[in-house]
Amino acid sequence: MSTKQSTIDYFLDQLAPLPGVAARKMFGEYALYWDGKVVALVCDDAFFLKITEPGKKALGRRYAEGFPYPGAKPWIVVDESFLEDRERLCALVRQTAEALPAPKPKAPKKKRAA
C-alpha cells in the first residue's frame, strides 16, 4: 500500500510554518526535506522521523521506533498527537533538522568522451 496524496498534502500543510519544506516521491512513498536535509519519510500513510537525540527527548514517553519499509534502519514513529498539533510537529521537525549534519555536496557529473 502506498501513501495517498491527501496524506502528503496534510503533512505539508501541518509543516507550512517551516519555509521550504518539500516532499519528493520515491518508489510510491515520500521523503520530506527541510533545509536540504531528509528529515522524515512517509510510508503507508505513516510519519517516520529520522532518529536524533533532540527528537527522542521531545517525544519523551511517546518515543517509539519502527521500520518505514522492509530492510530499512529504524526511524521514529510519530504518533497522532504530534501530527495533529502543528506547533509541536514543526518544533520536532526543526529540532531534528538542526541535529542532522549538512547534506554532502553532490559531485559534479563527469562528461562522456565523444
Protein backbone atom coordinates (compact mmCIF):
# COMPACT_ATOMS: atom_id res chain seq x y z
CA MET A 1 0.00 0.00 0.00
CA SER A 2 1.45 3.35 -0.93
CA THR A 3 0.90 6.72 0.65
CA LYS A 4 -2.08 8.75 -0.56
CA GLN A 5 -1.51 12.22 -1.96
CA SER A 6 -4.04 13.57 0.56
CA THR A 7 -1.78 12.37 3.40
CA ILE A 8 1.22 14.22 1.97
CA ASP A 9 -0.90 17.32 1.42
CA TYR A 10 -1.99 17.17 5.08
CA PHE A 11 1.58 16.80 6.39
CA LEU A 12 2.84 19.62 4.16
CA ASP A 13 0.00 21.82 5.41
CA GLN A 14 0.90 20.99 9.02
CA LEU A 15 4.54 21.87 8.31
CA ALA A 16 3.75 25.05 6.33
CA PRO A 17 5.18 27.34 9.06
CA LEU A 18 8.62 25.89 8.20
CA PRO A 19 9.63 27.68 4.99
CA GLY A 20 10.88 25.39 2.26
CA VAL A 21 9.52 22.05 3.47
CA ALA A 22 9.13 19.80 0.44
CA ALA A 23 8.10 16.25 -0.36
CA ARG A 24 9.71 14.08 -3.01
CA LYS A 25 8.01 10.94 -4.27
CA MET A 26 10.22 7.87 -4.06
CA PHE A 27 9.03 4.39 -5.00
CA GLY A 28 5.38 5.17 -4.20
CA GLU A 29 6.30 6.67 -0.84
CA TYR A 30 7.71 10.08 0.11
CA ALA A 31 10.74 11.73 1.66
CA LEU A 32 10.23 15.05 3.45
CA TYR A 33 13.01 17.60 3.17
CA TRP A 34 13.72 20.72 5.14
CA ASP A 35 16.80 22.89 4.85
CA GLY A 36 18.17 20.46 2.23
CA LYS A 37 18.01 17.52 4.63
CA VAL A 38 15.81 14.43 4.63
CA VAL A 39 14.06 14.71 7.99
CA ALA A 40 11.20 12.25 7.56
CA LEU A 41 9.72 9.51 5.42
CA VAL A 42 6.03 8.98 4.84
CA CYS A 43 5.32 5.33 4.11
CA ASP A 44 1.91 3.66 4.11
CA ASP A 45 0.46 6.98 5.35
CA ALA A 46 2.65 6.86 8.50
CA PHE A 47 5.15 9.58 9.50
CA PHE A 48 8.68 8.33 10.25
CA LEU A 49 11.21 10.85 11.60
CA LYS A 50 14.98 10.43 11.49
CA ILE A 51 16.32 9.38 14.87
CA THR A 52 18.15 12.17 16.72
CA GLU A 53 18.71 12.84 20.41
CA PRO A 54 16.57 16.01 20.35
CA GLY A 55 13.76 14.04 18.69
CA LYS A 56 13.92 11.32 21.31
CA LYS A 57 13.86 13.91 24.09
CA ALA A 58 10.96 15.87 22.57
CA LEU A 59 8.81 12.75 22.26
CA GLY A 60 9.59 11.54 25.77
CA ARG A 61 7.44 8.53 26.70
CA ARG A 62 5.77 8.65 23.28
CA TYR A 63 9.09 7.68 21.68
CA ALA A 64 8.73 4.58 19.51
CA GLU A 65 10.77 3.15 16.67
CA GLY A 66 9.56 1.44 13.55
CA PHE A 67 10.64 0.49 10.06
CA PRO A 68 9.25 2.52 7.16
CA TYR A 69 9.87 -0.34 4.69
CA PRO A 70 11.41 -3.83 4.76
CA GLY A 71 15.18 -3.72 5.20
CA ALA A 72 15.22 -0.11 6.45
CA LYS A 73 17.03 1.10 9.52
CA PRO A 74 14.74 2.12 12.39
CA TRP A 75 13.12 5.57 12.39
CA ILE A 76 10.98 7.33 14.97
CA VAL A 77 7.28 6.65 14.53
CA VAL A 78 5.46 9.93 15.21
CA ASP A 79 2.08 9.41 16.82
CA GLU A 80 -1.16 11.24 16.03
CA SER A 81 -0.96 13.61 18.98
CA PHE A 82 2.15 15.21 17.45
CA LEU A 83 0.86 15.04 13.87
CA GLU A 84 -2.32 16.90 14.76
CA ASP A 85 -0.51 19.61 16.76
CA ARG A 86 1.08 21.85 14.11
CA GLU A 87 3.25 23.76 16.57
CA ARG A 88 4.69 20.63 18.22
CA LEU A 89 5.21 18.89 14.87
CA CYS A 90 7.07 21.88 13.43
CA ALA A 91 9.24 22.11 16.55
CA LEU A 92 10.01 18.39 16.33
CA VAL A 93 11.00 18.61 12.65
CA ARG A 94 13.06 21.77 13.28
CA GLN A 95 14.94 20.12 16.18
CA THR A 96 15.59 17.05 14.07
CA ALA A 97 16.88 19.04 11.10
CA GLU A 98 19.16 21.12 13.31
CA ALA A 99 20.67 17.94 14.79
CA LEU A 100 21.40 16.40 11.39
CA PRO A 101 24.65 17.10 9.55
CA ALA A 102 24.62 19.33 6.48
CA PRO A 103 23.99 17.41 3.26
CA LYS A 104 27.10 16.43 1.36
CA PRO A 105 27.60 18.43 -1.83
CA LYS A 106 26.91 16.44 -4.96
CA ALA A 107 29.93 15.52 -7.03
CA PRO A 108 29.94 17.07 -10.49
CA LYS A 109 28.88 14.71 -13.24
CA LYS A 110 31.65 13.51 -15.48
CA LYS A 111 31.33 14.32 -19.16
CA ARG A 112 31.37 11.41 -21.54
CA ALA A 113 34.11 11.21 -24.11
CA ALA A 114 32.83 11.77 -27.61
